[in-house]
Amino acid sequence: MNKNALEYAIRYGFIVLLAGLALFFSLYASGFASPRSAVFIFQSVAITGILALGVTCTLVVGGFDLSIGSVATSSLMLSAYSMVVLEQSAFVAVALCLVMGAVVGLINGFLIVKMRVPDLLATLGMMFLLIGLQRIPTQGNSVATGMSLADGTVAEGTFSAAFLWLGRHRFDLFLDRLLPVPVVLFLVIAGLIWLFLGFTRHGRLMYAIGSNERAASLVGTNVQRYKVVAYMISGVLASIGGILLAARLGRGDIASGNNLLLDSVAAALIGFAVLGAARPNAFGTAAGALFVGILLQGLTMMNAPYYMQDFVKGAVLVAALVFTFYLSSRRGGRRNA
């Protein structure tokens, strides 16, 4: 493979694959190319994509957050509990969830930078802690209006219309009720994270920390602070994902976020292959989430067995990473030759 072809494959191979996949399903899956199908794909990956952007921020500083799925489900349960059981307003429920996400991120960061606990172990421990903690107030039951409480009373609160708006409202765009609020929030958050990481001093310093933490420290970067901030961003974004999921479901379903962690990590890692970045980046993460959504939606519309979906996701993830790092290593070898 000559130098120009190799460079083209590294930079645009994933984009060509994404376009080819969309074209294939458009031809062979009836209705795939419709506007509503396209919006459904975005809706199906919006929450996963928001969580994946949080994972991306921790990957940028050389870390990894395994607690995002449990933070999202804890946010889901907390918002439901605060409105249904405590009968609080939507504003209070959202504020509690955001604070909870930030506090979890702060604790993760403290364990990693101050207690010197490896990031995988610290966030894994937090994951199990939250999984257990979110089940205690309801004794492992889902939260819904009319549920029986431990003291024998019945929960009489309801999800407010303002809260449900976050997960169920659709804006008119060319067609009536086409664009869901979670999709808009996903695109806005993706744009903000992309601008922050790629075009601000703070974002460049975070990349410097992930690339060479010691060198970044020697030039005066407050490495510990930026690492803590990265995990706090991850926690807040995960809590936003949980809020949107609760608003869409209209109940605190304790099992509804089981796949959030794996799907989010897959999207963030697939993003390494986008435009030959070979590093975590917001645009790649959003494209990775979209790729997974297109793949799963197309397979579903072609009546592929549901039990094949995880296998296909895993195969795509492995192929994307091998493609990215193998070709990138060849490019590096050619430049050093």
C-alpha atoms as a PDB file:
ATOM      1  CA  MET A   1       0.000   0.000   0.000  1.00  0.00           C
ATOM      2  CA  ASN A   2       1.549   3.309  -1.090  1.00  0.00           C
ATOM      3  CA  LYS A   3       1.821   6.270   1.217  1.00  0.00           C
ATOM      4  CA  ASN A   4      -1.136   8.238  -0.195  1.00  0.00           C
ATOM      5  CA  ALA A   5      -3.460   5.229  -0.160  1.00  0.00           C
ATOM      6  CA  LEU A   6      -2.452   4.423   3.406  1.00  0.00           C
ATOM      7  CA  GLU A   7      -3.101   7.991   4.528  1.00  0.00           C
ATOM      8  CA  TYR A   8      -6.487   7.984   2.803  1.00  0.00           C
ATOM      9  CA  ALA A   9      -7.459   4.655   4.394  1.00  0.00           C
ATOM     10  CA  ILE A  10      -6.526   5.887   7.862  1.00  0.00           C
ATOM     11  CA  ARG A  11      -8.353   9.209   7.582  1.00  0.00           C
ATOM     12  CA  TYR A  12     -11.459   8.277   5.633  1.00  0.00           C
ATOM     13  CA  GLY A  13     -11.816   4.492   5.902  1.00  0.00           C
ATOM     14  CA  PHE A  14     -14.334   4.650   8.742  1.00  0.00           C
ATOM     15  CA  ILE A  15     -16.408   7.365   7.075  1.00  0.00           C
ATOM     16  CA  VAL A  16     -16.524   5.325   3.860  1.00  0.00           C
ATOM     17  CA  LEU A  17     -17.564   2.270   5.888  1.00  0.00           C
ATOM     18  CA  LEU A  18     -20.294   4.278   7.644  1.00  0.00           C
ATOM     19  CA  ALA A  19     -21.644   5.582   4.338  1.00  0.00           C
ATOM     20  CA  GLY A  20     -21.450   2.122   2.780  1.00  0.00           C
ATOM     21  CA  LEU A  21     -23.341   0.603   5.687  1.00  0.00           C
ATOM     22  CA  ALA A  22     -26.090   3.224   5.419  1.00  0.00           C
ATOM     23  CA  LEU A  23     -26.324   2.650   1.658  1.00  0.00           C
ATOM     24  CA  PHE A  24     -26.515  -1.134   2.075  1.00  0.00           C
ATOM     25  CA  PHE A  25     -29.361  -0.949   4.585  1.00  0.00           C
ATOM     26  CA  SER A  26     -31.141   1.693   2.475  1.00  0.00           C
ATOM     27  CA  LEU A  27     -31.191  -0.741  -0.457  1.00  0.00           C
ATOM     28  CA  TYR A  28     -31.991  -3.953   1.386  1.00  0.00           C
ATOM     29  CA  ALA A  29     -34.025  -2.870   4.444  1.00  0.00           C
ATOM     30  CA  SER A  30     -37.422  -1.469   3.489  1.00  0.00           C
ATOM     31  CA  GLY A  31     -38.070   1.943   5.064  1.00  0.00           C
ATOM     32  CA  PHE A  32     -34.550   2.391   6.407  1.00  0.00           C
ATOM     33  CA  ALA A  33     -33.893   5.563   4.391  1.00  0.00           C
ATOM     34  CA  SER A  34     -37.001   7.413   5.585  1.00  0.00           C
ATOM     35  CA  PRO A  35     -36.620  10.590   7.689  1.00  0.00           C
ATOM     36  CA  ARG A  36     -38.385   9.015  10.668  1.00  0.00           C
ATOM     37  CA  SER A  37     -36.128   5.980  10.541  1.00  0.00           C
ATOM     38  CA  ALA A  38     -33.084   8.264  10.539  1.00  0.00           C
ATOM     39  CA  VAL A  39     -34.438  10.158  13.548  1.00  0.00           C
ATOM     40  CA  PHE A  40     -35.201   6.876  15.318  1.00  0.00           C
ATOM     41  CA  ILE A  41     -31.545   5.881  14.883  1.00  0.00           C
ATOM     42  CA  PHE A  42     -30.427   9.130  16.489  1.00  0.00           C
ATOM     43  CA  GLN A  43     -32.978   8.692  19.270  1.00  0.00           C
ATOM     44  CA  SER A  44     -31.798   5.152  19.965  1.00  0.00           C
ATOM     45  CA  VAL A  45     -28.200   6.296  20.445  1.00  0.00           C
ATOM     46  CA  ALA A  46     -28.779   9.732  22.016  1.00  0.00           C
ATOM     47  CA  ILE A  47     -28.532   8.583  25.641  1.00  0.00           C
ATOM     48  CA  THR A  48     -25.701   6.160  24.884  1.00  0.00           C
ATOM     49  CA  GLY A  49     -23.894   8.900  22.981  1.00  0.00           C
ATOM     50  CA  ILE A  50     -24.156  11.360  25.870  1.00  0.00           C
ATOM     51  CA  LEU A  51     -22.653   8.787  28.238  1.00  0.00           C
ATOM     52  CA  ALA A  52     -19.970   7.964  25.675  1.00  0.00           C
ATOM     53  CA  LEU A  53     -18.952  11.634  25.530  1.00  0.00           C
ATOM     54  CA  GLY A  54     -18.366  11.456  29.291  1.00  0.00           C
ATOM     55  CA  VAL A  55     -16.205   8.364  28.822  1.00  0.00           C
ATOM     56  CA  THR A  56     -14.301  10.265  26.133  1.00  0.00           C
ATOM     57  CA  CYS A  57     -13.400  13.035  28.588  1.00  0.00           C
ATOM     58  CA  THR A  58     -11.865  10.500  30.980  1.00  0.00           C
ATOM     59  CA  LEU A  59     -10.040   8.721  28.150  1.00  0.00           C
ATOM     60  CA  VAL A  60      -8.549  12.063  27.079  1.00  0.00           C
ATOM     61  CA  VAL A  61      -6.750  12.409  30.441  1.00  0.00           C
ATOM     62  CA  GLY A  62      -5.571   8.803  30.346  1.00  0.00           C
ATOM     63  CA  GLY A  63      -8.334   7.444  32.569  1.00  0.00           C
ATOM     64  CA  PHE A  64     -11.409   5.281  32.181  1.00  0.00           C
ATOM     65  CA  ASP A  65     -14.813   5.501  33.852  1.00  0.00           C
ATOM     66  CA  LEU A  66     -16.608   2.203  34.404  1.00  0.00           C
ATOM     67  CA  SER A  67     -19.234   3.767  36.661  1.00  0.00           C
ATOM     68  CA  ILE A  68     -21.154   5.704  33.983  1.00  0.00           C
ATOM     69  CA  GLY A  69     -23.850   3.062  33.517  1.00  0.00           C
ATOM     70  CA  SER A  70     -24.569   2.855  37.233  1.00  0.00           C
ATOM     71  CA  VAL A  71     -24.525   6.661  37.547  1.00  0.00           C
ATOM     72  CA  ALA A  72     -27.133   6.850  34.780  1.00  0.00           C
ATOM     73  CA  THR A  73     -29.387   4.236  36.387  1.00  0.00           C
ATOM     74  CA  SER A  74     -28.927   5.903  39.789  1.00  0.00           C
ATOM     75  CA  SER A  75     -29.989   9.193  38.196  1.00  0.00           C
ATOM     76  CA  LEU A  76     -33.003   7.442  36.703  1.00  0.00           C
ATOM     77  CA  MET A  77     -34.018   6.010  40.087  1.00  0.00           C
ATOM     78  CA  LEU A  78     -33.282   9.236  41.980  1.00  0.00           C
ATOM     79  CA  SER A  79     -35.399  11.366  39.643  1.00  0.00           C
ATOM     80  CA  ALA A  80     -38.272   8.884  39.841  1.00  0.00           C
ATOM     81  CA  TYR A  81     -38.022   8.562  43.626  1.00  0.00           C
ATOM     82  CA  SER A  82     -37.887  12.315  44.188  1.00  0.00           C
ATOM     83  CA  MET A  83     -41.056  12.930  42.158  1.00  0.00           C
ATOM     84  CA  VAL A  84     -43.113   9.808  42.874  1.00  0.00           C
ATOM     85  CA  VAL A  85     -42.213   9.184  46.524  1.00  0.00           C
ATOM     86  CA  LEU A  86     -40.980  12.580  47.774  1.00  0.00           C
ATOM     87  CA  GLU A  87     -43.402  14.475  45.481  1.00  0.00           C
ATOM     88  CA  GLN A  88     -40.817  17.055  44.422  1.00  0.00           C
ATOM     89  CA  SER A  89     -40.920  19.180  41.279  1.00  0.00           C
ATOM     90  CA  ALA A  90     -39.144  18.402  38.015  1.00  0.00           C
ATOM     91  CA  PHE A  91     -36.613  21.157  38.734  1.00  0.00           C
ATOM     92  CA  VAL A  92     -35.667  19.624  42.087  1.00  0.00           C
ATOM     93  CA  ALA A  93     -35.442  16.143  40.562  1.00  0.00           C
ATOM     94  CA  VAL A  94     -33.131  17.301  37.762  1.00  0.00           C
ATOM     95  CA  ALA A  95     -30.989  19.357  40.162  1.00  0.00           C
ATOM     96  CA  LEU A  96     -30.587  16.395  42.541  1.00  0.00           C
ATOM     97  CA  CYS A  97     -29.507  14.137  39.683  1.00  0.00           C
ATOM     98  CA  LEU A  98     -26.953  16.618  38.339  1.00  0.00           C
ATOM     99  CA  VAL A  99     -25.498  17.155  41.807  1.00  0.00           C
ATOM    100  CA  MET A 100     -25.362  13.411  42.363  1.00  0.00           C
ATOM    101  CA  GLY A 101     -23.470  12.913  39.093  1.00  0.00           C
ATOM    102  CA  ALA A 102     -20.986  15.656  39.942  1.00  0.00           C
ATOM    103  CA  VAL A 103     -20.417  14.264  43.454  1.00  0.00           C
ATOM    104  CA  VAL A 104     -19.831  10.745  42.122  1.00  0.00           C
ATOM    105  CA  GLY A 105     -17.333  12.132  39.623  1.00  0.00           C
ATOM    106  CA  LEU A 106     -15.641  14.103  42.382  1.00  0.00           C
ATOM    107  CA  ILE A 107     -15.330  10.977  44.541  1.00  0.00           C
ATOM    108  CA  ASN A 108     -13.971   8.974  41.615  1.00  0.00           C
ATOM    109  CA  GLY A 109     -11.420  11.693  40.929  1.00  0.00           C
ATOM    110  CA  PHE A 110     -10.440  11.879  44.599  1.00  0.00           C
ATOM    111  CA  LEU A 111      -9.899   8.124  44.808  1.00  0.00           C
ATOM    112  CA  ILE A 112      -7.772   8.172  41.654  1.00  0.00           C
ATOM    113  CA  VAL A 113      -5.612  11.269  42.152  1.00  0.00           C
ATOM    114  CA  LYS A 114      -5.370  11.428  45.948  1.00  0.00           C
ATOM    115  CA  MET A 115      -5.737   7.836  47.105  1.00  0.00           C
ATOM    116  CA  ARG A 116      -3.774   6.513  44.096  1.00  0.00           C
ATOM    117  CA  VAL A 117      -6.404   3.875  43.356  1.00  0.00           C
ATOM    118  CA  PRO A 118      -6.151   2.743  39.695  1.00  0.00           C
ATOM    119  CA  ASP A 119      -8.945   4.261  37.648  1.00  0.00           C
ATOM    120  CA  LEU A 120     -10.455   0.942  36.594  1.00  0.00           C
ATOM    121  CA  LEU A 121     -10.602  -0.306  40.177  1.00  0.00           C
ATOM    122  CA  ALA A 122     -11.918   2.965  41.619  1.00  0.00           C
ATOM    123  CA  THR A 123     -14.736   3.292  39.088  1.00  0.00           C
ATOM    124  CA  LEU A 124     -15.507  -0.431  39.226  1.00  0.00           C
ATOM    125  CA  GLY A 125     -15.945  -0.149  42.997  1.00  0.00           C
ATOM    126  CA  MET A 126     -18.153   2.913  42.527  1.00  0.00           C
ATOM    127  CA  MET A 127     -20.209   1.001  39.970  1.00  0.00           C
ATOM    128  CA  PHE A 128     -21.003  -1.802  42.420  1.00  0.00           C
ATOM    129  CA  LEU A 129     -21.631   0.685  45.243  1.00  0.00           C
ATOM    130  CA  LEU A 130     -24.190   2.585  43.171  1.00  0.00           C
ATOM    131  CA  ILE A 131     -25.860  -0.579  41.892  1.00  0.00           C
ATOM    132  CA  GLY A 132     -26.495  -1.584  45.486  1.00  0.00           C
ATOM    133  CA  LEU A 133     -27.321   1.903  46.753  1.00  0.00           C
ATOM    134  CA  GLN A 134     -29.997   2.599  44.148  1.00  0.00           C
ATOM    135  CA  ARG A 135     -31.912  -0.530  45.206  1.00  0.00           C
ATOM    136  CA  ILE A 136     -32.021   0.173  48.955  1.00  0.00           C
ATOM    137  CA  PRO A 137     -34.756   2.878  49.145  1.00  0.00           C
ATOM    138  CA  THR A 138     -37.209   0.800  47.097  1.00  0.00           C
ATOM    139  CA  GLN A 139     -36.043  -2.649  48.281  1.00  0.00           C
ATOM    140  CA  GLY A 140     -35.062  -3.534  44.736  1.00  0.00           C
ATOM    141  CA  ASN A 141     -38.392  -2.552  43.154  1.00  0.00           C
ATOM    142  CA  SER A 142     -39.020  -0.165  40.287  1.00  0.00           C
ATOM    143  CA  VAL A 143     -40.532   3.245  41.093  1.00  0.00           C
ATOM    144  CA  ALA A 144     -44.014   4.043  39.809  1.00  0.00           C
ATOM    145  CA  THR A 145     -47.127   5.824  41.015  1.00  0.00           C
ATOM    146  CA  GLY A 146     -49.158   3.565  43.296  1.00  0.00           C
ATOM    147  CA  MET A 147     -46.230   1.438  44.456  1.00  0.00           C
ATOM    148  CA  SER A 148     -46.256   0.171  48.034  1.00  0.00           C
ATOM    149  CA  LEU A 149     -43.621   1.695  50.307  1.00  0.00           C
ATOM    150  CA  ALA A 150     -41.762   0.048  53.185  1.00  0.00           C
ATOM    151  CA  ASP A 151     -43.954   1.768  55.789  1.00  0.00           C
ATOM    152  CA  GLY A 152     -47.135   0.384  54.224  1.00  0.00           C
ATOM    153  CA  THR A 153     -48.210   3.612  52.520  1.00  0.00           C
ATOM    154  CA  VAL A 154     -48.686   4.085  48.783  1.00  0.00           C
ATOM    155  CA  ALA A 155     -46.620   6.453  46.620  1.00  0.00           C
ATOM    156  CA  GLU A 156     -49.006   9.093  45.287  1.00  0.00           C
ATOM    157  CA  GLY A 157     -46.608  11.365  43.421  1.00  0.00           C
ATOM    158  CA  THR A 158     -46.425  11.480  39.632  1.00  0.00           C
ATOM    159  CA  PHE A 159     -43.929  12.409  36.967  1.00  0.00           C
ATOM    160  CA  SER A 160     -44.504  16.037  36.115  1.00  0.00           C
ATOM    161  CA  ALA A 161     -45.389  17.027  32.554  1.00  0.00           C
ATOM    162  CA  ALA A 162     -42.295  19.259  32.408  1.00  0.00           C
ATOM    163  CA  PHE A 163     -40.049  16.327  33.248  1.00  0.00           C
ATOM    164  CA  LEU A 164     -41.701  13.975  30.738  1.00  0.00           C
ATOM    165  CA  TRP A 165     -41.267  16.712  28.102  1.00  0.00           C
ATOM    166  CA  LEU A 166     -37.518  16.108  28.252  1.00  0.00           C
ATOM    167  CA  GLY A 167     -37.860  12.551  27.070  1.00  0.00           C
ATOM    168  CA  ARG A 168     -41.001  12.574  24.950  1.00  0.00           C
ATOM    169  CA  HIS A 169     -41.418  15.938  23.239  1.00  0.00           C
ATOM    170  CA  ARG A 170     -40.675  16.142  19.533  1.00  0.00           C
ATOM    171  CA  PHE A 171     -39.973  19.334  17.606  1.00  0.00           C
ATOM    172  CA  ASP A 172     -41.401  19.970  14.148  1.00  0.00           C
ATOM    173  CA  LEU A 173     -38.677  19.825  11.483  1.00  0.00           C
ATOM    174  CA  PHE A 174     -39.935  19.434   7.902  1.00  0.00           C
ATOM    175  CA  LEU A 175     -42.349  16.835   9.313  1.00  0.00           C
ATOM    176  CA  ASP A 176     -44.639  17.147  12.322  1.00  0.00           C
ATOM    177  CA  ARG A 177     -43.190  15.874  15.605  1.00  0.00           C
ATOM    178  CA  LEU A 178     -39.964  14.659  14.003  1.00  0.00           C
ATOM    179  CA  LEU A 179     -37.049  15.652  16.236  1.00  0.00           C
ATOM    180  CA  PRO A 180     -36.987  14.351  19.860  1.00  0.00           C
ATOM    181  CA  VAL A 181     -35.531  16.473  22.665  1.00  0.00           C
ATOM    182  CA  PRO A 182     -32.875  13.826  23.590  1.00  0.00           C
ATOM    183  CA  VAL A 183     -31.487  13.989  20.037  1.00  0.00           C
ATOM    184  CA  VAL A 184     -31.206  17.778  20.231  1.00  0.00           C
ATOM    185  CA  LEU A 185     -29.453  17.549  23.607  1.00  0.00           C
ATOM    186  CA  PHE A 186     -27.084  14.873  22.287  1.00  0.00           C
ATOM    187  CA  LEU A 187     -26.075  17.020  19.309  1.00  0.00           C
ATOM    188  CA  VAL A 188     -25.664  20.134  21.479  1.00  0.00           C
ATOM    189  CA  ILE A 189     -23.568  18.309  24.094  1.00  0.00           C
ATOM    190  CA  ALA A 190     -21.461  16.650  21.393  1.00  0.00           C
ATOM    191  CA  GLY A 191     -20.788  20.047  19.831  1.00  0.00           C
ATOM    192  CA  LEU A 192     -19.848  21.600  23.170  1.00  0.00           C
ATOM    193  CA  ILE A 193     -17.490  18.749  24.121  1.00  0.00           C
ATOM    194  CA  TRP A 194     -15.927  18.868  20.638  1.00  0.00           C
ATOM    195  CA  LEU A 195     -15.303  22.602  20.955  1.00  0.00           C
ATOM    196  CA  PHE A 196     -14.023  22.273  24.522  1.00  0.00           C
ATOM    197  CA  LEU A 197     -11.553  19.465  23.839  1.00  0.00           C
ATOM    198  CA  GLY A 198     -10.367  20.620  20.451  1.00  0.00           C
ATOM    199  CA  PHE A 199     -10.356  24.396  20.588  1.00  0.00           C
ATOM    200  CA  THR A 200      -9.760  25.532  24.156  1.00  0.00           C
ATOM    201  CA  ARG A 201      -6.616  25.734  26.248  1.00  0.00           C
ATOM    202  CA  HIS A 202      -8.148  23.475  28.862  1.00  0.00           C
ATOM    203  CA  GLY A 203      -8.986  20.808  26.306  1.00  0.00           C
ATOM    204  CA  ARG A 204      -5.448  20.846  24.900  1.00  0.00           C
ATOM    205  CA  LEU A 205      -4.029  20.530  28.407  1.00  0.00           C
ATOM    206  CA  MET A 206      -6.254  17.508  29.034  1.00  0.00           C
ATOM    207  CA  TYR A 207      -4.900  15.871  25.888  1.00  0.00           C
ATOM    208  CA  ALA A 208      -1.379  16.706  27.043  1.00  0.00           C
ATOM    209  CA  ILE A 209      -2.063  14.976  30.373  1.00  0.00           C
ATOM    210  CA  GLY A 210      -3.311  11.871  28.615  1.00  0.00           C
ATOM    211  CA  SER A 211      -0.334  11.848  26.278  1.00  0.00           C
ATOM    212  CA  ASN A 212       2.404  12.435  28.870  1.00  0.00           C
ATOM    213  CA  GLU A 213       1.262  13.204  32.396  1.00  0.00           C
ATOM    214  CA  ARG A 214       4.758  13.879  33.748  1.00  0.00           C
ATOM    215  CA  ALA A 215       5.645  16.301  30.963  1.00  0.00           C
ATOM    216  CA  ALA A 216       2.361  18.152  31.437  1.00  0.00           C
ATOM    217  CA  SER A 217       3.069  18.430  35.159  1.00  0.00           C
ATOM    218  CA  LEU A 218       6.588  19.764  34.566  1.00  0.00           C
ATOM    219  CA  VAL A 219       5.269  22.685  32.493  1.00  0.00           C
ATOM    220  CA  GLY A 220       2.945  23.727  35.326  1.00  0.00           C
ATOM    221  CA  THR A 221      -0.325  21.962  34.476  1.00  0.00           C
ATOM    222  CA  ASN A 222      -2.450  21.093  37.492  1.00  0.00           C
ATOM    223  CA  VAL A 223      -2.785  17.455  36.485  1.00  0.00           C
ATOM    224  CA  GLN A 224      -4.839  16.383  39.489  1.00  0.00           C
ATOM    225  CA  ARG A 225      -7.413  19.123  39.034  1.00  0.00           C
ATOM    226  CA  TYR A 226      -7.946  18.356  35.352  1.00  0.00           C
ATOM    227  CA  LYS A 227      -8.330  14.655  36.073  1.00  0.00           C
ATOM    228  CA  VAL A 228     -10.953  15.331  38.734  1.00  0.00           C
ATOM    229  CA  VAL A 229     -12.790  17.689  36.372  1.00  0.00           C
ATOM    230  CA  ALA A 230     -12.791  15.004  33.657  1.00  0.00           C
ATOM    231  CA  TYR A 231     -14.482  12.519  35.982  1.00  0.00           C
ATOM    232  CA  MET A 232     -16.956  15.150  37.162  1.00  0.00           C
ATOM    233  CA  ILE A 233     -17.897  15.887  33.541  1.00  0.00           C
ATOM    234  CA  SER A 234     -18.356  12.160  33.002  1.00  0.00           C
ATOM    235  CA  GLY A 235     -20.588  11.913  36.073  1.00  0.00           C
ATOM    236  CA  VAL A 236     -22.752  14.874  35.081  1.00  0.00           C
ATOM    237  CA  LEU A 237     -23.199  13.606  31.511  1.00  0.00           C
ATOM    238  CA  ALA A 238     -24.119  10.152  32.827  1.00  0.00           C
ATOM    239  CA  SER A 239     -26.717  11.727  35.122  1.00  0.00           C
ATOM    240  CA  ILE A 240     -28.161  13.635  32.149  1.00  0.00           C
ATOM    241  CA  GLY A 241     -28.473  10.337  30.313  1.00  0.00           C
ATOM    242  CA  GLY A 242     -30.334   8.863  33.287  1.00  0.00           C
ATOM    243  CA  ILE A 243     -32.680  11.852  33.437  1.00  0.00           C
ATOM    244  CA  LEU A 244     -33.560  11.484  29.759  1.00  0.00           C
ATOM    245  CA  LEU A 245     -34.123   7.760  30.146  1.00  0.00           C
ATOM    246  CA  ALA A 246     -36.453   8.313  33.116  1.00  0.00           C
ATOM    247  CA  ALA A 247     -38.327  11.008  31.203  1.00  0.00           C
ATOM    248  CA  ARG A 248     -38.786   8.686  28.247  1.00  0.00           C
ATOM    249  CA  LEU A 249     -39.952   5.708  30.316  1.00  0.00           C
ATOM    250  CA  GLY A 250     -42.087   7.625  32.808  1.00  0.00           C
ATOM    251  CA  ARG A 251     -41.053   5.296  35.629  1.00  0.00           C
ATOM    252  CA  GLY A 252     -37.972   4.267  37.584  1.00  0.00           C
ATOM    253  CA  ASP A 253     -37.255   0.933  35.921  1.00  0.00           C
ATOM    254  CA  ILE A 254     -34.230  -0.448  37.727  1.00  0.00           C
ATOM    255  CA  ALA A 255     -33.238  -2.810  34.892  1.00  0.00           C
ATOM    256  CA  SER A 256     -33.567  -0.371  32.006  1.00  0.00           C
ATOM    257  CA  GLY A 257     -29.925   0.747  31.895  1.00  0.00           C
ATOM    258  CA  ASN A 258     -28.240  -2.651  31.776  1.00  0.00           C
ATOM    259  CA  ASN A 259     -26.521  -2.107  28.417  1.00  0.00           C
ATOM    260  CA  LEU A 260     -25.573   1.541  28.840  1.00  0.00           C
ATOM    261  CA  LEU A 261     -22.001   0.910  29.988  1.00  0.00           C
ATOM    262  CA  LEU A 262     -20.985  -1.475  27.215  1.00  0.00           C
ATOM    263  CA  ASP A 263     -22.684   0.494  24.445  1.00  0.00           C
ATOM    264  CA  SER A 264     -21.147   3.777  25.632  1.00  0.00           C
ATOM    265  CA  VAL A 265     -17.658   2.318  25.866  1.00  0.00           C
ATOM    266  CA  ALA A 266     -18.064   0.776  22.406  1.00  0.00           C
ATOM    267  CA  ALA A 267     -19.043   4.144  20.906  1.00  0.00           C
ATOM    268  CA  ALA A 268     -16.118   5.937  22.564  1.00  0.00           C
ATOM    269  CA  LEU A 269     -13.585   3.334  21.425  1.00  0.00           C
ATOM    270  CA  ILE A 270     -14.945   3.097  17.888  1.00  0.00           C
ATOM    271  CA  GLY A 271     -14.428   6.858  17.765  1.00  0.00           C
ATOM    272  CA  PHE A 272     -10.676   6.251  17.775  1.00  0.00           C
ATOM    273  CA  ALA A 273     -11.008   5.131  14.132  1.00  0.00           C
ATOM    274  CA  VAL A 274     -12.792   8.242  12.852  1.00  0.00           C
ATOM    275  CA  LEU A 275     -10.672  10.461  10.592  1.00  0.00           C
ATOM    276  CA  GLY A 276      -7.548   8.579  11.675  1.00  0.00           C
ATOM    277  CA  ALA A 277      -7.526  10.303  15.059  1.00  0.00           C
ATOM    278  CA  ALA A 278      -6.209   7.229  16.932  1.00  0.00           C
ATOM    279  CA  ARG A 279      -7.145   9.033  20.128  1.00  0.00           C
ATOM    280  CA  PRO A 280     -10.346   9.839  22.035  1.00  0.00           C
ATOM    281  CA  ASN A 281     -12.319  12.684  20.466  1.00  0.00           C
ATOM    282  CA  ALA A 282     -15.879  13.976  20.657  1.00  0.00           C
ATOM    283  CA  PHE A 283     -16.596  13.909  16.921  1.00  0.00           C
ATOM    284  CA  GLY A 284     -15.377  10.326  16.686  1.00  0.00           C
ATOM    285  CA  THR A 285     -17.464   9.303  19.693  1.00  0.00           C
ATOM    286  CA  ALA A 286     -20.620  10.795  18.178  1.00  0.00           C
ATOM    287  CA  ALA A 287     -19.853   9.079  14.874  1.00  0.00           C
ATOM    288  CA  GLY A 288     -19.180   5.826  16.721  1.00  0.00           C
ATOM    289  CA  ALA A 289     -22.552   6.027  18.474  1.00  0.00           C
ATOM    290  CA  LEU A 290     -24.246   6.745  15.140  1.00  0.00           C
ATOM    291  CA  PHE A 291     -22.435   3.805  13.547  1.00  0.00           C
ATOM    292  CA  VAL A 292     -23.695   1.431  16.246  1.00  0.00           C
ATOM    293  CA  GLY A 293     -27.214   2.844  15.850  1.00  0.00           C
ATOM    294  CA  ILE A 294     -27.216   2.390  12.073  1.00  0.00           C
ATOM    295  CA  LEU A 295     -25.879  -1.126  12.426  1.00  0.00           C
ATOM    296  CA  LEU A 296     -28.459  -2.234  15.004  1.00  0.00           C
ATOM    297  CA  GLN A 297     -31.384  -0.491  13.305  1.00  0.00           C
ATOM    298  CA  GLY A 298     -30.473  -2.024   9.949  1.00  0.00           C
ATOM    299  CA  LEU A 299     -30.115  -5.503  11.420  1.00  0.00           C
ATOM    300  CA  THR A 300     -33.442  -5.128  13.215  1.00  0.00           C
ATOM    301  CA  MET A 301     -35.225  -4.006  10.044  1.00  0.00           C
ATOM    302  CA  MET A 302     -33.729  -6.975   8.177  1.00  0.00           C
ATOM    303  CA  ASN A 303     -35.121  -9.276  10.884  1.00  0.00           C
ATOM    304  CA  ALA A 304     -31.692 -10.393  12.082  1.00  0.00           C
ATOM    305  CA  PRO A 305     -31.874 -12.419  15.334  1.00  0.00           C
ATOM    306  CA  TYR A 306     -31.606 -10.174  18.399  1.00  0.00           C
ATOM    307  CA  TYR A 307     -28.974 -12.437  19.954  1.00  0.00           C
ATOM    308  CA  MET A 308     -26.588 -11.610  17.097  1.00  0.00           C
ATOM    309  CA  GLN A 309     -26.480  -7.907  17.887  1.00  0.00           C
ATOM    310  CA  ASP A 310     -23.907  -8.022  20.693  1.00  0.00           C
ATOM    311  CA  PHE A 311     -21.678 -10.284  18.590  1.00  0.00           C
ATOM    312  CA  VAL A 312     -21.860  -7.865  15.660  1.00  0.00           C
ATOM    313  CA  LYS A 313     -21.115  -4.876  17.932  1.00  0.00           C
ATOM    314  CA  GLY A 314     -18.097  -6.669  19.355  1.00  0.00           C
ATOM    315  CA  ALA A 315     -16.823  -7.657  15.926  1.00  0.00           C
ATOM    316  CA  VAL A 316     -17.167  -4.086  14.653  1.00  0.00           C
ATOM    317  CA  LEU A 317     -15.362  -2.703  17.712  1.00  0.00           C
ATOM    318  CA  VAL A 318     -12.439  -5.110  17.324  1.00  0.00           C
ATOM    319  CA  ALA A 319     -12.229  -4.461  13.576  1.00  0.00           C
ATOM    320  CA  ALA A 320     -12.305  -0.669  14.038  1.00  0.00           C
ATOM    321  CA  LEU A 321      -9.538  -0.703  16.661  1.00  0.00           C
ATOM    322  CA  VAL A 322      -7.335  -3.124  14.730  1.00  0.00           C
ATOM    323  CA  PHE A 323      -7.838  -1.060  11.591  1.00  0.00           C
ATOM    324  CA  THR A 324      -6.986   2.174  13.377  1.00  0.00           C
ATOM    325  CA  PHE A 325      -3.919   1.149  15.341  1.00  0.00           C
ATOM    326  CA  TYR A 326      -2.433  -1.235  12.772  1.00  0.00           C
ATOM    327  CA  LEU A 327      -2.589   1.264   9.945  1.00  0.00           C
ATOM    328  CA  SER A 328      -1.455   4.075  12.247  1.00  0.00           C
ATOM    329  CA  SER A 329       1.567   2.024  13.312  1.00  0.00           C
ATOM    330  CA  ARG A 330       2.418   1.413   9.646  1.00  0.00           C
ATOM    331  CA  ARG A 331       2.152   5.146   8.968  1.00  0.00           C
ATOM    332  CA  GLY A 332       4.479   5.823  11.902  1.00  0.00           C
ATOM    333  CA  GLY A 333       6.900   3.200  10.655  1.00  0.00           C
ATOM    334  CA  ARG A 334       7.010   4.754   7.200  1.00  0.00           C
ATOM    335  CA  ARG A 335       7.681   8.212   8.637  1.00  0.00           C
ATOM    336  CA  ASN A 336      10.521   6.900  10.783  1.00  0.00           C
ATOM    337  CA  ALA A 337      12.061   4.994   7.875  1.00  0.00           C
END
